[in-house]
Amino acid sequence: MKTKISLVLAFMFLGITSIIAQEVKTETFKVYGNCGMCKSRIEKAANSVDGVSAAEWDEETKMIEITYNPEKAKILDVKKAIVKVGHDTDILFAKNDGYNALPGCCKYERRSEK
């Protein structure tokens, strides 16, 4: 009898754990910028999206790694948040007003739209 109760409790625990556990996904993409101020601004914008749990931009490679819950956040929404603060991404371009508002050290060489 104790074995059956223990087995039932174990299955209940596993079931509850799988319901509580959220799927986490990691993606990387290009974000244009130059310096530590860019890093702070880009990561803050990415982390502002609900469902993003981590964002790390590399100044040298210009790549950002985003860890997020795909049930809550979409990568396109993260890219839109980054573009809104003046930084181009691999597929989206910041508006000129946003780019022009960046400090001088943050003004990266913009690529042309295709």
PDB file of N, CA and C in Angstrom:
ATOM      1  N   MET A   1       0.829  -1.193   0.000  1.00  0.00           N
ATOM      2  CA  MET A   1       0.000   0.000   0.000  1.00  0.00           C
ATOM      3  C   MET A   1       0.874   1.259   0.000  1.00  0.00           C
ATOM      4  N   LYS A   2       1.942   1.249   0.819  1.00  0.00           N
ATOM      5  CA  LYS A   2       2.824   2.407   0.872  1.00  0.00           C
ATOM      6  C   LYS A   2       3.497   2.630  -0.480  1.00  0.00           C
ATOM      7  N   THR A   3       3.821   1.534  -1.164  1.00  0.00           N
ATOM      8  CA  THR A   3       4.459   1.639  -2.472  1.00  0.00           C
ATOM      9  C   THR A   3       3.520   2.301  -3.467  1.00  0.00           C
ATOM     10  N   LYS A   4       2.240   1.918  -3.439  1.00  0.00           N
ATOM     11  CA  LYS A   4       1.263   2.508  -4.356  1.00  0.00           C
ATOM     12  C   LYS A   4       1.092   4.002  -4.082  1.00  0.00           C
ATOM     13  N   ILE A   5       1.025   4.374  -2.817  1.00  0.00           N
ATOM     14  CA  ILE A   5       0.873   5.788  -2.458  1.00  0.00           C
ATOM     15  C   ILE A   5       2.107   6.568  -2.898  1.00  0.00           C
ATOM     16  N   SER A   6       3.278   6.007  -2.668  1.00  0.00           N
ATOM     17  CA  SER A   6       4.514   6.668  -3.082  1.00  0.00           C
ATOM     18  C   SER A   6       4.568   6.833  -4.594  1.00  0.00           C
ATOM     19  N   LEU A   7       4.129   5.811  -5.313  1.00  0.00           N
ATOM     20  CA  LEU A   7       4.122   5.860  -6.765  1.00  0.00           C
ATOM     21  C   LEU A   7       3.150   6.931  -7.279  1.00  0.00           C
ATOM     22  N   VAL A   8       1.978   6.984  -6.690  1.00  0.00           N
ATOM     23  CA  VAL A   8       0.979   7.988  -7.082  1.00  0.00           C
ATOM     24  C   VAL A   8       1.511   9.392  -6.808  1.00  0.00           C
ATOM     25  N   LEU A   9       2.127   9.588  -5.644  1.00  0.00           N
ATOM     26  CA  LEU A   9       2.691  10.892  -5.303  1.00  0.00           C
ATOM     27  C   LEU A   9       3.813  11.288  -6.260  1.00  0.00           C
ATOM     28  N   ALA A  10       4.624  10.316  -6.635  1.00  0.00           N
ATOM     29  CA  ALA A  10       5.720  10.590  -7.564  1.00  0.00           C
ATOM     30  C   ALA A  10       5.173  11.028  -8.922  1.00  0.00           C
ATOM     31  N   PHE A  11       4.150  10.363  -9.423  1.00  0.00           N
ATOM     32  CA  PHE A  11       3.550  10.739 -10.711  1.00  0.00           C
ATOM     33  C   PHE A  11       2.886  12.112 -10.633  1.00  0.00           C
ATOM     34  N   MET A  12       2.245  12.403  -9.505  1.00  0.00           N
ATOM     35  CA  MET A  12       1.629  13.717  -9.323  1.00  0.00           C
ATOM     36  C   MET A  12       2.701  14.808  -9.331  1.00  0.00           C
ATOM     37  N   PHE A  13       3.792  14.563  -8.640  1.00  0.00           N
ATOM     38  CA  PHE A  13       4.888  15.527  -8.579  1.00  0.00           C
ATOM     39  C   PHE A  13       5.458  15.782  -9.972  1.00  0.00           C
ATOM     40  N   LEU A  14       5.691  14.717 -10.738  1.00  0.00           N
ATOM     41  CA  LEU A  14       6.220  14.861 -12.091  1.00  0.00           C
ATOM     42  C   LEU A  14       5.251  15.617 -12.988  1.00  0.00           C
ATOM     43  N   GLY A  15       3.975  15.339 -12.844  1.00  0.00           N
ATOM     44  CA  GLY A  15       2.966  16.038 -13.636  1.00  0.00           C
ATOM     45  C   GLY A  15       2.919  17.519 -13.319  1.00  0.00           C
ATOM     46  N   ILE A  16       2.938  17.861 -12.048  1.00  0.00           N
ATOM     47  CA  ILE A  16       2.911  19.261 -11.632  1.00  0.00           C
ATOM     48  C   ILE A  16       4.183  19.964 -12.075  1.00  0.00           C
ATOM     49  N   THR A  17       5.312  19.301 -11.948  1.00  0.00           N
ATOM     50  CA  THR A  17       6.588  19.892 -12.350  1.00  0.00           C
ATOM     51  C   THR A  17       6.597  20.201 -13.836  1.00  0.00           C
ATOM     52  N   SER A  18       6.080  19.313 -14.650  1.00  0.00           N
ATOM     53  CA  SER A  18       6.080  19.559 -16.096  1.00  0.00           C
ATOM     54  C   SER A  18       5.118  20.679 -16.471  1.00  0.00           C
ATOM     55  N   ILE A  19       4.054  20.861 -15.725  1.00  0.00           N
ATOM     56  CA  ILE A  19       3.126  21.960 -15.979  1.00  0.00           C
ATOM     57  C   ILE A  19       3.769  23.283 -15.599  1.00  0.00           C
ATOM     58  N   ILE A  20       4.452  23.301 -14.469  1.00  0.00           N
ATOM     59  CA  ILE A  20       5.076  24.522 -13.973  1.00  0.00           C
ATOM     60  C   ILE A  20       6.279  24.915 -14.825  1.00  0.00           C
ATOM     61  N   ALA A  21       7.038  23.933 -15.270  1.00  0.00           N
ATOM     62  CA  ALA A  21       8.247  24.218 -16.054  1.00  0.00           C
ATOM     63  C   ALA A  21       7.856  24.905 -17.356  1.00  0.00           C
ATOM     64  N   GLN A  22       8.537  26.003 -17.662  1.00  0.00           N
ATOM     65  CA  GLN A  22       8.263  26.732 -18.885  1.00  0.00           C
ATOM     66  C   GLN A  22       9.354  26.434 -19.900  1.00  0.00           C
ATOM     67  N   GLU A  23       8.934  26.383 -21.143  1.00  0.00           N
ATOM     68  CA  GLU A  23       9.896  26.156 -22.215  1.00  0.00           C
ATOM     69  C   GLU A  23      10.783  27.391 -22.337  1.00  0.00           C
ATOM     70  N   VAL A  24      12.059  27.183 -22.489  1.00  0.00           N
ATOM     71  CA  VAL A  24      13.010  28.275 -22.665  1.00  0.00           C
ATOM     72  C   VAL A  24      13.770  28.015 -23.959  1.00  0.00           C
ATOM     73  N   LYS A  25      13.939  29.073 -24.730  1.00  0.00           N
ATOM     74  CA  LYS A  25      14.624  28.964 -26.009  1.00  0.00           C
ATOM     75  C   LYS A  25      15.692  30.049 -26.074  1.00  0.00           C
ATOM     76  N   THR A  26      16.768  29.784 -26.795  1.00  0.00           N
ATOM     77  CA  THR A  26      17.834  30.763 -26.970  1.00  0.00           C
ATOM     78  C   THR A  26      18.068  30.979 -28.460  1.00  0.00           C
ATOM     79  N   GLU A  27      18.176  32.251 -28.850  1.00  0.00           N
ATOM     80  CA  GLU A  27      18.462  32.604 -30.240  1.00  0.00           C
ATOM     81  C   GLU A  27      19.478  33.725 -30.280  1.00  0.00           C
ATOM     82  N   THR A  28      20.223  33.774 -31.368  1.00  0.00           N
ATOM     83  CA  THR A  28      21.183  34.859 -31.571  1.00  0.00           C
ATOM     84  C   THR A  28      20.898  35.542 -32.898  1.00  0.00           C
ATOM     85  N   PHE A  29      21.178  36.840 -32.935  1.00  0.00           N
ATOM     86  CA  PHE A  29      21.051  37.593 -34.184  1.00  0.00           C
ATOM     87  C   PHE A  29      21.920  38.842 -34.098  1.00  0.00           C
ATOM     88  N   LYS A  30      22.150  39.466 -35.234  1.00  0.00           N
ATOM     89  CA  LYS A  30      23.020  40.639 -35.348  1.00  0.00           C
ATOM     90  C   LYS A  30      22.273  41.893 -34.915  1.00  0.00           C
ATOM     91  N   VAL A  31      22.980  42.720 -34.116  1.00  0.00           N
ATOM     92  CA  VAL A  31      22.490  44.051 -33.731  1.00  0.00           C
ATOM     93  C   VAL A  31      23.671  45.004 -33.880  1.00  0.00           C
ATOM     94  N   TYR A  32      23.466  46.089 -34.608  1.00  0.00           N
ATOM     95  CA  TYR A  32      24.550  47.028 -34.881  1.00  0.00           C
ATOM     96  C   TYR A  32      24.697  48.049 -33.757  1.00  0.00           C
ATOM     97  N   GLY A  33      25.939  48.270 -33.348  1.00  0.00           N
ATOM     98  CA  GLY A  33      26.278  49.208 -32.298  1.00  0.00           C
ATOM     99  C   GLY A  33      27.784  49.250 -32.162  1.00  0.00           C
ATOM    100  N   ASN A  34      28.281  50.058 -31.219  1.00  0.00           N
ATOM    101  CA  ASN A  34      29.728  50.253 -31.107  1.00  0.00           C
ATOM    102  C   ASN A  34      30.329  50.015 -29.740  1.00  0.00           C
ATOM    103  N   CYS A  35      29.656  50.420 -28.685  1.00  0.00           N
ATOM    104  CA  CYS A  35      30.360  50.581 -27.409  1.00  0.00           C
ATOM    105  C   CYS A  35      29.556  50.042 -26.216  1.00  0.00           C
ATOM    106  N   GLY A  36      30.093  50.287 -25.044  1.00  0.00           N
ATOM    107  CA  GLY A  36      29.436  49.853 -23.816  1.00  0.00           C
ATOM    108  C   GLY A  36      28.088  50.516 -23.600  1.00  0.00           C
ATOM    109  N   MET A  37      27.953  51.774 -24.037  1.00  0.00           N
ATOM    110  CA  MET A  37      26.646  52.433 -23.935  1.00  0.00           C
ATOM    111  C   MET A  37      25.625  51.740 -24.833  1.00  0.00           C
ATOM    112  N   CYS A  38      26.069  51.333 -26.011  1.00  0.00           N
ATOM    113  CA  CYS A  38      25.196  50.584 -26.924  1.00  0.00           C
ATOM    114  C   CYS A  38      24.772  49.270 -26.264  1.00  0.00           C
ATOM    115  N   LYS A  39      25.739  48.586 -25.684  1.00  0.00           N
ATOM    116  CA  LYS A  39      25.472  47.303 -25.026  1.00  0.00           C
ATOM    117  C   LYS A  39      24.372  47.456 -23.983  1.00  0.00           C
ATOM    118  N   SER A  40      24.509  48.462 -23.158  1.00  0.00           N
ATOM    119  CA  SER A  40      23.522  48.694 -22.097  1.00  0.00           C
ATOM    120  C   SER A  40      22.148  48.976 -22.688  1.00  0.00           C
ATOM    121  N   ARG A  41      22.086  49.841 -23.692  1.00  0.00           N
ATOM    122  CA  ARG A  41      20.818  50.231 -24.318  1.00  0.00           C
ATOM    123  C   ARG A  41      20.161  49.048 -25.022  1.00  0.00           C
ATOM    124  N   ILE A  42      20.953  48.286 -25.769  1.00  0.00           N
ATOM    125  CA  ILE A  42      20.434  47.139 -26.521  1.00  0.00           C
ATOM    126  C   ILE A  42      19.894  46.073 -25.567  1.00  0.00           C
ATOM    127  N   GLU A  43      20.671  45.728 -24.550  1.00  0.00           N
ATOM    128  CA  GLU A  43      20.248  44.697 -23.595  1.00  0.00           C
ATOM    129  C   GLU A  43      19.020  45.140 -22.809  1.00  0.00           C
ATOM    130  N   LYS A  44      18.965  46.406 -22.430  1.00  0.00           N
ATOM    131  CA  LYS A  44      17.803  46.928 -21.698  1.00  0.00           C
ATOM    132  C   LYS A  44      16.545  46.832 -22.564  1.00  0.00           C
ATOM    133  N   ALA A  45      16.664  47.194 -23.831  1.00  0.00           N
ATOM    134  CA  ALA A  45      15.520  47.112 -24.750  1.00  0.00           C
ATOM    135  C   ALA A  45      15.050  45.668 -24.903  1.00  0.00           C
ATOM    136  N   ALA A  46      15.988  44.753 -25.084  1.00  0.00           N
ATOM    137  CA  ALA A  46      15.630  43.339 -25.249  1.00  0.00           C
ATOM    138  C   ALA A  46      14.964  42.792 -23.984  1.00  0.00           C
ATOM    139  N   ASN A  47      15.529  43.135 -22.837  1.00  0.00           N
ATOM    140  CA  ASN A  47      14.975  42.644 -21.567  1.00  0.00           C
ATOM    141  C   ASN A  47      13.628  43.267 -21.221  1.00  0.00           C
ATOM    142  N   SER A  48      13.257  44.350 -21.894  1.00  0.00           N
ATOM    143  CA  SER A  48      11.971  44.992 -21.624  1.00  0.00           C
ATOM    144  C   SER A  48      10.793  44.201 -22.192  1.00  0.00           C
ATOM    145  N   VAL A  49      11.072  43.267 -23.074  1.00  0.00           N
ATOM    146  CA  VAL A  49      10.022  42.448 -23.685  1.00  0.00           C
ATOM    147  C   VAL A  49       9.624  41.345 -22.712  1.00  0.00           C
ATOM    148  N   ASP A  50       8.335  41.280 -22.404  1.00  0.00           N
ATOM    149  CA  ASP A  50       7.827  40.266 -21.486  1.00  0.00           C
ATOM    150  C   ASP A  50       8.132  38.873 -22.032  1.00  0.00           C
ATOM    151  N   GLY A  51       8.721  38.033 -21.214  1.00  0.00           N
ATOM    152  CA  GLY A  51       9.080  36.683 -21.618  1.00  0.00           C
ATOM    153  C   GLY A  51      10.565  36.503 -21.876  1.00  0.00           C
ATOM    154  N   VAL A  52      11.308  37.621 -21.999  1.00  0.00           N
ATOM    155  CA  VAL A  52      12.763  37.546 -22.171  1.00  0.00           C
ATOM    156  C   VAL A  52      13.387  37.439 -20.791  1.00  0.00           C
ATOM    157  N   SER A  53      14.194  36.417 -20.595  1.00  0.00           N
ATOM    158  CA  SER A  53      14.826  36.218 -19.289  1.00  0.00           C
ATOM    159  C   SER A  53      16.288  36.637 -19.272  1.00  0.00           C
ATOM    160  N   ALA A  54      16.917  36.758 -20.453  1.00  0.00           N
ATOM    161  CA  ALA A  54      18.312  37.185 -20.510  1.00  0.00           C
ATOM    162  C   ALA A  54      18.631  37.711 -21.903  1.00  0.00           C
ATOM    163  N   ALA A  55      19.514  38.712 -21.935  1.00  0.00           N
ATOM    164  CA  ALA A  55      19.990  39.264 -23.204  1.00  0.00           C
ATOM    165  C   ALA A  55      21.445  39.659 -23.012  1.00  0.00           C
ATOM    166  N   GLU A  56      22.301  39.203 -23.908  1.00  0.00           N
ATOM    167  CA  GLU A  56      23.739  39.503 -23.814  1.00  0.00           C
ATOM    168  C   GLU A  56      24.246  39.871 -25.207  1.00  0.00           C
ATOM    169  N   TRP A  57      24.624  41.155 -25.384  1.00  0.00           N
ATOM    170  CA  TRP A  57      25.142  41.638 -26.659  1.00  0.00           C
ATOM    171  C   TRP A  57      26.653  41.685 -26.605  1.00  0.00           C
ATOM    172  N   ASP A  58      27.306  41.189 -27.644  1.00  0.00           N
ATOM    173  CA  ASP A  58      28.764  41.179 -27.727  1.00  0.00           C
ATOM    174  C   ASP A  58      29.211  42.319 -28.637  1.00  0.00           C
ATOM    175  N   GLU A  59      29.946  43.251 -28.064  1.00  0.00           N
ATOM    176  CA  GLU A  59      30.413  44.440 -28.787  1.00  0.00           C
ATOM    177  C   GLU A  59      31.295  44.075 -29.979  1.00  0.00           C
ATOM    178  N   GLU A  60      32.099  43.051 -29.847  1.00  0.00           N
ATOM    179  CA  GLU A  60      33.032  42.665 -30.909  1.00  0.00           C
ATOM    180  C   GLU A  60      32.338  41.994 -32.085  1.00  0.00           C
ATOM    181  N   THR A  61      31.476  41.027 -31.808  1.00  0.00           N
ATOM    182  CA  THR A  61      30.814  40.271 -32.886  1.00  0.00           C
ATOM    183  C   THR A  61      29.520  40.914 -33.349  1.00  0.00           C
ATOM    184  N   LYS A  62      28.992  41.844 -32.547  1.00  0.00           N
ATOM    185  CA  LYS A  62      27.712  42.514 -32.829  1.00  0.00           C
ATOM    186  C   LYS A  62      26.541  41.534 -32.794  1.00  0.00           C
ATOM    187  N   MET A  63      26.710  40.442 -32.058  1.00  0.00           N
ATOM    188  CA  MET A  63      25.655  39.431 -31.934  1.00  0.00           C
ATOM    189  C   MET A  63      25.039  39.513 -30.541  1.00  0.00           C
ATOM    190  N   ILE A  64      23.725  39.331 -30.493  1.00  0.00           N
ATOM    191  CA  ILE A  64      23.029  39.287 -29.213  1.00  0.00           C
ATOM    192  C   ILE A  64      22.456  37.894 -29.036  1.00  0.00           C
ATOM    193  N   GLU A  65      22.548  37.399 -27.808  1.00  0.00           N
ATOM    194  CA  GLU A  65      21.957  36.105 -27.464  1.00  0.00           C
ATOM    195  C   GLU A  65      20.778  36.391 -26.545  1.00  0.00           C
ATOM    196  N   ILE A  66      19.621  35.924 -26.950  1.00  0.00           N
ATOM    197  CA  ILE A  66      18.377  36.138 -26.216  1.00  0.00           C
ATOM    198  C   ILE A  66      17.879  34.804 -25.678  1.00  0.00           C
ATOM    199  N   THR A  67      17.598  34.757 -24.386  1.00  0.00           N
ATOM    200  CA  THR A  67      16.952  33.595 -23.774  1.00  0.00           C
ATOM    201  C   THR A  67      15.540  34.036 -23.425  1.00  0.00           C
ATOM    202  N   TYR A  68      14.560  33.271 -23.895  1.00  0.00           N
ATOM    203  CA  TYR A  68      13.174  33.706 -23.742  1.00  0.00           C
ATOM    204  C   TYR A  68      12.210  32.529 -23.705  1.00  0.00           C
ATOM    205  N   ASN A  69      10.993  32.819 -23.273  1.00  0.00           N
ATOM    206  CA  ASN A  69       9.915  31.850 -23.278  1.00  0.00           C
ATOM    207  C   ASN A  69       9.097  32.108 -24.547  1.00  0.00           C
ATOM    208  N   PRO A  70       9.128  31.194 -25.518  1.00  0.00           N
ATOM    209  CA  PRO A  70       8.432  31.426 -26.787  1.00  0.00           C
ATOM    210  C   PRO A  70       6.904  31.475 -26.662  1.00  0.00           C
ATOM    211  N   GLU A  71       6.388  31.055 -25.520  1.00  0.00           N
ATOM    212  CA  GLU A  71       4.945  31.170 -25.298  1.00  0.00           C
ATOM    213  C   GLU A  71       4.561  32.596 -24.916  1.00  0.00           C
ATOM    214  N   LYS A  72       5.546  33.383 -24.457  1.00  0.00           N
ATOM    215  CA  LYS A  72       5.282  34.758 -24.035  1.00  0.00           C
ATOM    216  C   LYS A  72       5.890  35.802 -24.960  1.00  0.00           C
ATOM    217  N   ALA A  73       7.007  35.485 -25.575  1.00  0.00           N
ATOM    218  CA  ALA A  73       7.737  36.469 -26.378  1.00  0.00           C
ATOM    219  C   ALA A  73       8.022  35.929 -27.773  1.00  0.00           C
ATOM    220  N   LYS A  74       8.077  36.842 -28.708  1.00  0.00           N
ATOM    221  CA  LYS A  74       8.457  36.519 -30.084  1.00  0.00           C
ATOM    222  C   LYS A  74       9.751  37.276 -30.374  1.00  0.00           C
ATOM    223  N   ILE A  75      10.654  36.647 -31.088  1.00  0.00           N
ATOM    224  CA  ILE A  75      11.924  37.284 -31.428  1.00  0.00           C
ATOM    225  C   ILE A  75      11.688  38.569 -32.221  1.00  0.00           C
ATOM    226  N   LEU A  76      10.677  38.601 -33.064  1.00  0.00           N
ATOM    227  CA  LEU A  76      10.381  39.814 -33.816  1.00  0.00           C
ATOM    228  C   LEU A  76      10.057  40.978 -32.878  1.00  0.00           C
ATOM    229  N   ASP A  77       9.362  40.697 -31.772  1.00  0.00           N
ATOM    230  CA  ASP A  77       9.067  41.749 -30.793  1.00  0.00           C
ATOM    231  C   ASP A  77      10.337  42.260 -30.122  1.00  0.00           C
ATOM    232  N   VAL A  78      11.285  41.370 -29.889  1.00  0.00           N
ATOM    233  CA  VAL A  78      12.576  41.768 -29.309  1.00  0.00           C
ATOM    234  C   VAL A  78      13.307  42.666 -30.299  1.00  0.00           C
ATOM    235  N   LYS A  79      13.328  42.291 -31.558  1.00  0.00           N
ATOM    236  CA  LYS A  79      13.990  43.098 -32.581  1.00  0.00           C
ATOM    237  C   LYS A  79      13.328  44.468 -32.701  1.00  0.00           C
ATOM    238  N   LYS A  80      12.004  44.515 -32.621  1.00  0.00           N
ATOM    239  CA  LYS A  80      11.288  45.794 -32.691  1.00  0.00           C
ATOM    240  C   LYS A  80      11.655  46.691 -31.512  1.00  0.00           C
ATOM    241  N   ALA A  81      11.807  46.114 -30.328  1.00  0.00           N
ATOM    242  CA  ALA A  81      12.187  46.894 -29.145  1.00  0.00           C
ATOM    243  C   ALA A  81      13.592  47.472 -29.311  1.00  0.00           C
ATOM    244  N   ILE A  82      14.493  46.705 -29.891  1.00  0.00           N
ATOM    245  CA  ILE A  82      15.864  47.160 -30.104  1.00  0.00           C
ATOM    246  C   ILE A  82      15.908  48.260 -31.163  1.00  0.00           C
ATOM    247  N   VAL A  83      15.164  48.087 -32.242  1.00  0.00           N
ATOM    248  CA  VAL A  83      15.104  49.082 -33.313  1.00  0.00           C
ATOM    249  C   VAL A  83      14.529  50.401 -32.778  1.00  0.00           C
ATOM    250  N   LYS A  84      13.595  50.293 -31.869  1.00  0.00           N
ATOM    251  CA  LYS A  84      12.946  51.482 -31.302  1.00  0.00           C
ATOM    252  C   LYS A  84      13.934  52.389 -30.563  1.00  0.00           C
ATOM    253  N   VAL A  85      15.013  51.812 -30.017  1.00  0.00           N
ATOM    254  CA  VAL A  85      16.018  52.613 -29.300  1.00  0.00           C
ATOM    255  C   VAL A  85      17.181  53.042 -30.206  1.00  0.00           C
ATOM    256  N   GLY A  86      17.053  52.813 -31.530  1.00  0.00           N
ATOM    257  CA  GLY A  86      18.014  53.348 -32.480  1.00  0.00           C
ATOM    258  C   GLY A  86      19.020  52.399 -33.090  1.00  0.00           C
ATOM    259  N   HIS A  87      18.880  51.098 -32.844  1.00  0.00           N
ATOM    260  CA  HIS A  87      19.863  50.130 -33.356  1.00  0.00           C
ATOM    261  C   HIS A  87      19.243  49.223 -34.414  1.00  0.00           C
ATOM    262  N   ASP A  88      19.926  49.123 -35.566  1.00  0.00           N
ATOM    263  CA  ASP A  88      19.491  48.210 -36.620  1.00  0.00           C
ATOM    264  C   ASP A  88      19.747  46.770 -36.192  1.00  0.00           C
ATOM    265  N   THR A  89      18.906  45.864 -36.680  1.00  0.00           N
ATOM    266  CA  THR A  89      19.124  44.432 -36.456  1.00  0.00           C
ATOM    267  C   THR A  89      19.366  43.779 -37.814  1.00  0.00           C
ATOM    268  N   ASP A  90      19.458  42.474 -37.811  1.00  0.00           N
ATOM    269  CA  ASP A  90      19.699  41.744 -39.057  1.00  0.00           C
ATOM    270  C   ASP A  90      18.595  41.954 -40.087  1.00  0.00           C
ATOM    271  N   ILE A  91      17.346  42.168 -39.641  1.00  0.00           N
ATOM    272  CA  ILE A  91      16.241  42.300 -40.604  1.00  0.00           C
ATOM    273  C   ILE A  91      15.436  43.592 -40.468  1.00  0.00           C
ATOM    274  N   LEU A  92      15.623  44.326 -39.378  1.00  0.00           N
ATOM    275  CA  LEU A  92      14.870  45.564 -39.171  1.00  0.00           C
ATOM    276  C   LEU A  92      15.813  46.752 -39.057  1.00  0.00           C
ATOM    277  N   PHE A  93      15.359  47.902 -39.543  1.00  0.00           N
ATOM    278  CA  PHE A  93      16.143  49.132 -39.494  1.00  0.00           C
ATOM    279  C   PHE A  93      15.502  50.126 -38.528  1.00  0.00           C
ATOM    280  N   ALA A  94      16.332  50.786 -37.737  1.00  0.00           N
ATOM    281  CA  ALA A  94      15.847  51.844 -36.859  1.00  0.00           C
ATOM    282  C   ALA A  94      15.434  53.037 -37.709  1.00  0.00           C
ATOM    283  N   LYS A  95      14.438  53.780 -37.238  1.00  0.00           N
ATOM    284  CA  LYS A  95      14.063  55.011 -37.925  1.00  0.00           C
ATOM    285  C   LYS A  95      15.216  55.995 -37.783  1.00  0.00           C
ATOM    286  N   ASN A  96      15.357  56.875 -38.750  1.00  0.00           N
ATOM    287  CA  ASN A  96      16.445  57.849 -38.724  1.00  0.00           C
ATOM    288  C   ASN A  96      16.418  58.693 -37.458  1.00  0.00           C
ATOM    289  N   ASP A  97      15.232  59.055 -36.980  1.00  0.00           N
ATOM    290  CA  ASP A  97      15.121  59.855 -35.754  1.00  0.00           C
ATOM    291  C   ASP A  97      15.736  59.109 -34.570  1.00  0.00           C
ATOM    292  N   GLY A  98      15.477  57.819 -34.471  1.00  0.00           N
ATOM    293  CA  GLY A  98      16.033  57.010 -33.383  1.00  0.00           C
ATOM    294  C   GLY A  98      17.538  56.894 -33.481  1.00  0.00           C
ATOM    295  N   TYR A  99      18.023  56.652 -34.689  1.00  0.00           N
ATOM    296  CA  TYR A  99      19.475  56.548 -34.898  1.00  0.00           C
ATOM    297  C   TYR A  99      20.147  57.891 -34.614  1.00  0.00           C
ATOM    298  N   ASN A 100      19.574  58.975 -35.105  1.00  0.00           N
ATOM    299  CA  ASN A 100      20.174  60.300 -34.936  1.00  0.00           C
ATOM    300  C   ASN A 100      20.192  60.746 -33.478  1.00  0.00           C
ATOM    301  N   ALA A 101      19.323  60.192 -32.644  1.00  0.00           N
ATOM    302  CA  ALA A 101      19.279  60.541 -31.224  1.00  0.00           C
ATOM    303  C   ALA A 101      20.375  59.840 -30.421  1.00  0.00           C
ATOM    304  N   LEU A 102      21.056  58.865 -31.021  1.00  0.00           N
ATOM    305  CA  LEU A 102      22.128  58.161 -30.313  1.00  0.00           C
ATOM    306  C   LEU A 102      23.302  59.101 -30.057  1.00  0.00           C
ATOM    307  N   PRO A 103      24.020  58.907 -28.940  1.00  0.00           N
ATOM    308  CA  PRO A 103      25.251  59.670 -28.711  1.00  0.00           C
ATOM    309  C   PRO A 103      26.243  59.400 -29.839  1.00  0.00           C
ATOM    310  N   GLY A 104      27.172  60.327 -30.056  1.00  0.00           N
ATOM    311  CA  GLY A 104      28.135  60.209 -31.152  1.00  0.00           C
ATOM    312  C   GLY A 104      28.903  58.908 -31.175  1.00  0.00           C
ATOM    313  N   CYS A 105      29.325  58.429 -29.992  1.00  0.00           N
ATOM    314  CA  CYS A 105      30.114  57.193 -29.948  1.00  0.00           C
ATOM    315  C   CYS A 105      29.290  55.965 -30.323  1.00  0.00           C
ATOM    316  N   CYS A 106      27.980  56.106 -30.300  1.00  0.00           N
ATOM    317  CA  CYS A 106      27.088  54.971 -30.581  1.00  0.00           C
ATOM    318  C   CYS A 106      26.661  54.909 -32.048  1.00  0.00           C
ATOM    319  N   LYS A 107      27.033  55.907 -32.817  1.00  0.00           N
ATOM    320  CA  LYS A 107      26.620  55.942 -34.227  1.00  0.00           C
ATOM    321  C   LYS A 107      27.496  55.012 -35.052  1.00  0.00           C
ATOM    322  N   TYR A 108      26.950  53.867 -35.339  1.00  0.00           N
ATOM    323  CA  TYR A 108      27.614  52.827 -36.107  1.00  0.00           C
ATOM    324  C   TYR A 108      27.414  53.103 -37.595  1.00  0.00           C
ATOM    325  N   GLU A 109      28.199  52.449 -38.428  1.00  0.00           N
ATOM    326  CA  GLU A 109      28.027  52.573 -39.867  1.00  0.00           C
ATOM    327  C   GLU A 109      26.770  51.802 -40.265  1.00  0.00           C
ATOM    328  N   ARG A 110      25.816  52.525 -40.786  1.00  0.00           N
ATOM    329  CA  ARG A 110      24.543  51.884 -41.154  1.00  0.00           C
ATOM    330  C   ARG A 110      24.671  51.155 -42.487  1.00  0.00           C
ATOM    331  N   ARG A 111      24.022  50.040 -42.574  1.00  0.00           N
ATOM    332  CA  ARG A 111      23.979  49.304 -43.833  1.00  0.00           C
ATOM    333  C   ARG A 111      22.779  49.835 -44.625  1.00  0.00           C
ATOM    334  N   SER A 112      22.781  49.664 -45.908  1.00  0.00           N
ATOM    335  CA  SER A 112      21.666  50.177 -46.710  1.00  0.00           C
ATOM    336  C   SER A 112      20.548  49.146 -46.750  1.00  0.00           C
ATOM    337  N   GLU A 113      19.325  49.650 -46.829  1.00  0.00           N
ATOM    338  CA  GLU A 113      18.166  48.755 -46.919  1.00  0.00           C
ATOM    339  C   GLU A 113      18.138  48.152 -48.319  1.00  0.00           C
ATOM    340  N   LYS A 114      17.685  46.908 -48.391  1.00  0.00           N
ATOM    341  CA  LYS A 114      17.623  46.227 -49.680  1.00  0.00           C
ATOM    342  C   LYS A 114      16.269  46.428 -50.302  1.00  0.00           C
TER     343      LYS A 114
END
